[in-house]
Amino acid sequence: MSTNLRRIRNETGRTQEEMAHLLGISARYLGSIERGKVSPSVTLLGMFADALAVNAGELIAVSTPRGKRGRD
């Protein structure tokens, strides 16, 4: 989730400080989330999704590296 959050936030052109202010959290806490040190609550996850105009599933989706997919 942390990688997706950082990527999508950057794609929208928002800084950590702007995003943190918008959500009512500290930029330090947001940085910890983006580094994967802490996990946000479900409520905060929804707030991230709303602020970034994405589905919460996009934030928590796990991408599989190319060539690593299982063979069926």
N, C-alpha and C. Protein backbone atom coordinates (compact mmCIF):
# COMPACT_ATOMS: atom_id res chain seq x y z
N MET A 1 0.82 -1.19 0.00
CA MET A 1 0.00 0.00 0.00
C MET A 1 0.86 1.25 0.00
N SER A 2 1.95 1.24 0.75
CA SER A 2 2.77 2.44 0.87
C SER A 2 3.30 2.92 -0.48
N THR A 3 3.72 1.98 -1.32
CA THR A 3 4.25 2.34 -2.65
C THR A 3 3.15 2.96 -3.50
N ASN A 4 1.97 2.37 -3.48
CA ASN A 4 0.85 2.90 -4.28
C ASN A 4 0.45 4.28 -3.79
N LEU A 5 0.40 4.45 -2.48
CA LEU A 5 0.01 5.75 -1.93
C LEU A 5 0.99 6.82 -2.38
N ARG A 6 2.27 6.57 -2.24
CA ARG A 6 3.28 7.56 -2.63
C ARG A 6 3.20 7.86 -4.13
N ARG A 7 3.07 6.80 -4.92
CA ARG A 7 3.02 6.97 -6.38
C ARG A 7 1.81 7.80 -6.79
N ILE A 8 0.65 7.45 -6.28
CA ILE A 8 -0.57 8.17 -6.66
C ILE A 8 -0.53 9.60 -6.14
N ARG A 9 -0.03 9.80 -4.93
CA ARG A 9 0.09 11.17 -4.40
C ARG A 9 1.00 12.00 -5.30
N ASN A 10 2.12 11.42 -5.70
CA ASN A 10 3.04 12.15 -6.59
C ASN A 10 2.40 12.43 -7.94
N GLU A 11 1.64 11.47 -8.47
CA GLU A 11 0.97 11.66 -9.76
C GLU A 11 -0.03 12.81 -9.71
N THR A 12 -0.61 13.04 -8.54
CA THR A 12 -1.58 14.13 -8.41
C THR A 12 -0.88 15.46 -8.13
N GLY A 13 0.43 15.42 -7.92
CA GLY A 13 1.19 16.64 -7.69
C GLY A 13 1.10 17.19 -6.28
N ARG A 14 0.63 16.37 -5.34
CA ARG A 14 0.52 16.82 -3.95
C ARG A 14 1.78 16.47 -3.18
N THR A 15 2.20 17.39 -2.33
CA THR A 15 3.33 17.12 -1.44
C THR A 15 2.82 16.37 -0.21
N GLN A 16 3.73 15.80 0.55
CA GLN A 16 3.34 15.15 1.80
C GLN A 16 2.68 16.16 2.73
N GLU A 17 3.21 17.35 2.78
CA GLU A 17 2.67 18.37 3.67
C GLU A 17 1.24 18.75 3.28
N GLU A 18 0.99 18.92 1.98
CA GLU A 18 -0.36 19.25 1.51
C GLU A 18 -1.33 18.12 1.84
N MET A 19 -0.91 16.91 1.56
CA MET A 19 -1.78 15.75 1.79
C MET A 19 -2.07 15.59 3.28
N ALA A 20 -1.05 15.72 4.10
CA ALA A 20 -1.22 15.59 5.54
C ALA A 20 -2.19 16.66 6.07
N HIS A 21 -2.02 17.89 5.61
CA HIS A 21 -2.90 18.97 6.05
C HIS A 21 -4.34 18.69 5.64
N LEU A 22 -4.53 18.22 4.42
CA LEU A 22 -5.86 17.90 3.91
C LEU A 22 -6.54 16.83 4.77
N LEU A 23 -5.76 15.86 5.23
CA LEU A 23 -6.32 14.74 5.99
C LEU A 23 -6.32 14.98 7.50
N GLY A 24 -5.68 16.04 7.95
CA GLY A 24 -5.64 16.33 9.38
C GLY A 24 -4.69 15.43 10.14
N ILE A 25 -3.61 15.02 9.48
CA ILE A 25 -2.58 14.21 10.13
C ILE A 25 -1.24 14.93 9.96
N SER A 26 -0.23 14.48 10.67
CA SER A 26 1.07 15.12 10.52
C SER A 26 1.80 14.58 9.29
N ALA A 27 2.64 15.41 8.72
CA ALA A 27 3.44 14.98 7.58
C ALA A 27 4.37 13.85 7.99
N ARG A 28 4.81 13.88 9.23
CA ARG A 28 5.68 12.81 9.75
C ARG A 28 4.94 11.46 9.75
N TYR A 29 3.69 11.48 10.20
CA TYR A 29 2.89 10.26 10.21
C TYR A 29 2.65 9.76 8.78
N LEU A 30 2.35 10.67 7.87
CA LEU A 30 2.16 10.30 6.47
C LEU A 30 3.43 9.68 5.91
N GLY A 31 4.57 10.26 6.24
CA GLY A 31 5.84 9.70 5.80
C GLY A 31 6.05 8.29 6.32
N SER A 32 5.65 8.04 7.55
CA SER A 32 5.77 6.69 8.13
C SER A 32 4.88 5.71 7.39
N ILE A 33 3.70 6.16 6.99
CA ILE A 33 2.79 5.30 6.23
C ILE A 33 3.41 5.00 4.86
N GLU A 34 3.93 6.03 4.20
CA GLU A 34 4.51 5.84 2.87
C GLU A 34 5.77 4.98 2.90
N ARG A 35 6.47 4.95 4.01
CA ARG A 35 7.64 4.09 4.14
C ARG A 35 7.28 2.68 4.59
N GLY A 36 5.99 2.46 4.87
CA GLY A 36 5.54 1.14 5.30
C GLY A 36 5.85 0.83 6.75
N LYS A 37 6.16 1.85 7.53
CA LYS A 37 6.48 1.65 8.95
C LYS A 37 5.22 1.47 9.80
N VAL A 38 4.14 2.11 9.39
CA VAL A 38 2.85 1.97 10.08
C VAL A 38 1.76 1.80 9.04
N SER A 39 0.66 1.22 9.45
CA SER A 39 -0.49 1.04 8.56
C SER A 39 -1.61 1.97 9.00
N PRO A 40 -2.26 2.61 8.05
CA PRO A 40 -3.36 3.50 8.41
C PRO A 40 -4.60 2.70 8.78
N SER A 41 -5.50 3.33 9.52
CA SER A 41 -6.78 2.70 9.83
C SER A 41 -7.60 2.61 8.55
N VAL A 42 -8.64 1.81 8.59
CA VAL A 42 -9.53 1.69 7.44
C VAL A 42 -10.17 3.05 7.14
N THR A 43 -10.51 3.77 8.18
CA THR A 43 -11.09 5.10 8.00
C THR A 43 -10.13 6.02 7.28
N LEU A 44 -8.87 6.03 7.70
CA LEU A 44 -7.88 6.88 7.06
C LEU A 44 -7.61 6.42 5.63
N LEU A 45 -7.63 5.12 5.40
CA LEU A 45 -7.46 4.60 4.05
C LEU A 45 -8.55 5.17 3.13
N GLY A 46 -9.77 5.19 3.63
CA GLY A 46 -10.88 5.77 2.86
C GLY A 46 -10.69 7.25 2.60
N MET A 47 -10.15 7.95 3.58
CA MET A 47 -9.89 9.38 3.42
C MET A 47 -8.81 9.61 2.36
N PHE A 48 -7.77 8.77 2.36
CA PHE A 48 -6.73 8.85 1.33
C PHE A 48 -7.37 8.66 -0.04
N ALA A 49 -8.18 7.63 -0.17
CA ALA A 49 -8.81 7.33 -1.45
C ALA A 49 -9.66 8.51 -1.93
N ASP A 50 -10.46 9.07 -1.04
CA ASP A 50 -11.29 10.22 -1.40
C ASP A 50 -10.44 11.41 -1.83
N ALA A 51 -9.40 11.70 -1.06
CA ALA A 51 -8.54 12.85 -1.36
C ALA A 51 -7.80 12.69 -2.68
N LEU A 52 -7.48 11.45 -3.03
CA LEU A 52 -6.74 11.19 -4.26
C LEU A 52 -7.65 10.82 -5.43
N ALA A 53 -8.96 10.78 -5.16
CA ALA A 53 -9.96 10.45 -6.18
C ALA A 53 -9.70 9.10 -6.83
N VAL A 54 -9.41 8.10 -5.99
CA VAL A 54 -9.21 6.73 -6.46
C VAL A 54 -10.02 5.79 -5.59
N ASN A 55 -10.16 4.58 -6.05
CA ASN A 55 -10.80 3.53 -5.29
C ASN A 55 -9.80 3.05 -4.24
N ALA A 56 -10.26 2.77 -3.03
CA ALA A 56 -9.36 2.29 -1.98
C ALA A 56 -8.60 1.04 -2.42
N GLY A 57 -9.22 0.24 -3.28
CA GLY A 57 -8.55 -0.96 -3.79
C GLY A 57 -7.28 -0.64 -4.55
N GLU A 58 -7.23 0.52 -5.20
CA GLU A 58 -6.03 0.92 -5.92
C GLU A 58 -4.88 1.19 -4.96
N LEU A 59 -5.20 1.64 -3.76
CA LEU A 59 -4.16 1.92 -2.78
C LEU A 59 -3.58 0.64 -2.17
N ILE A 60 -4.43 -0.36 -2.01
CA ILE A 60 -3.95 -1.57 -1.36
C ILE A 60 -3.60 -2.70 -2.32
N ALA A 61 -3.78 -2.47 -3.61
CA ALA A 61 -3.48 -3.51 -4.60
C ALA A 61 -2.00 -3.89 -4.54
N VAL A 62 -1.76 -5.17 -4.67
CA VAL A 62 -0.39 -5.67 -4.70
C VAL A 62 -0.06 -5.99 -6.14
N SER A 63 1.01 -5.39 -6.63
CA SER A 63 1.41 -5.67 -8.01
C SER A 63 2.44 -6.79 -8.01
N THR A 64 2.32 -7.63 -9.00
CA THR A 64 3.23 -8.75 -9.16
C THR A 64 4.28 -8.37 -10.18
N PRO A 65 5.58 -8.49 -9.83
CA PRO A 65 6.62 -8.16 -10.80
C PRO A 65 6.50 -9.01 -12.05
N ARG A 66 6.84 -8.44 -13.20
CA ARG A 66 6.78 -9.19 -14.46
C ARG A 66 7.67 -10.41 -14.35
N GLY A 67 7.18 -11.49 -14.95
CA GLY A 67 7.94 -12.73 -14.95
C GLY A 67 7.81 -13.54 -13.69
N LYS A 68 7.09 -13.04 -12.70
CA LYS A 68 6.95 -13.74 -11.42
C LYS A 68 5.56 -14.33 -11.23
N ARG A 69 4.71 -14.20 -12.25
CA ARG A 69 3.34 -14.71 -12.12
C ARG A 69 3.34 -16.23 -12.19
N GLY A 70 2.44 -16.81 -11.43
CA GLY A 70 2.31 -18.26 -11.42
C GLY A 70 1.80 -18.79 -12.74
N ARG A 71 2.14 -19.98 -13.03
CA ARG A 71 1.68 -20.61 -14.27
C ARG A 71 0.53 -21.53 -13.94
N ASP A 72 -0.60 -21.34 -14.62
CA ASP A 72 -1.77 -22.20 -14.38
C ASP A 72 -1.91 -23.24 -15.46
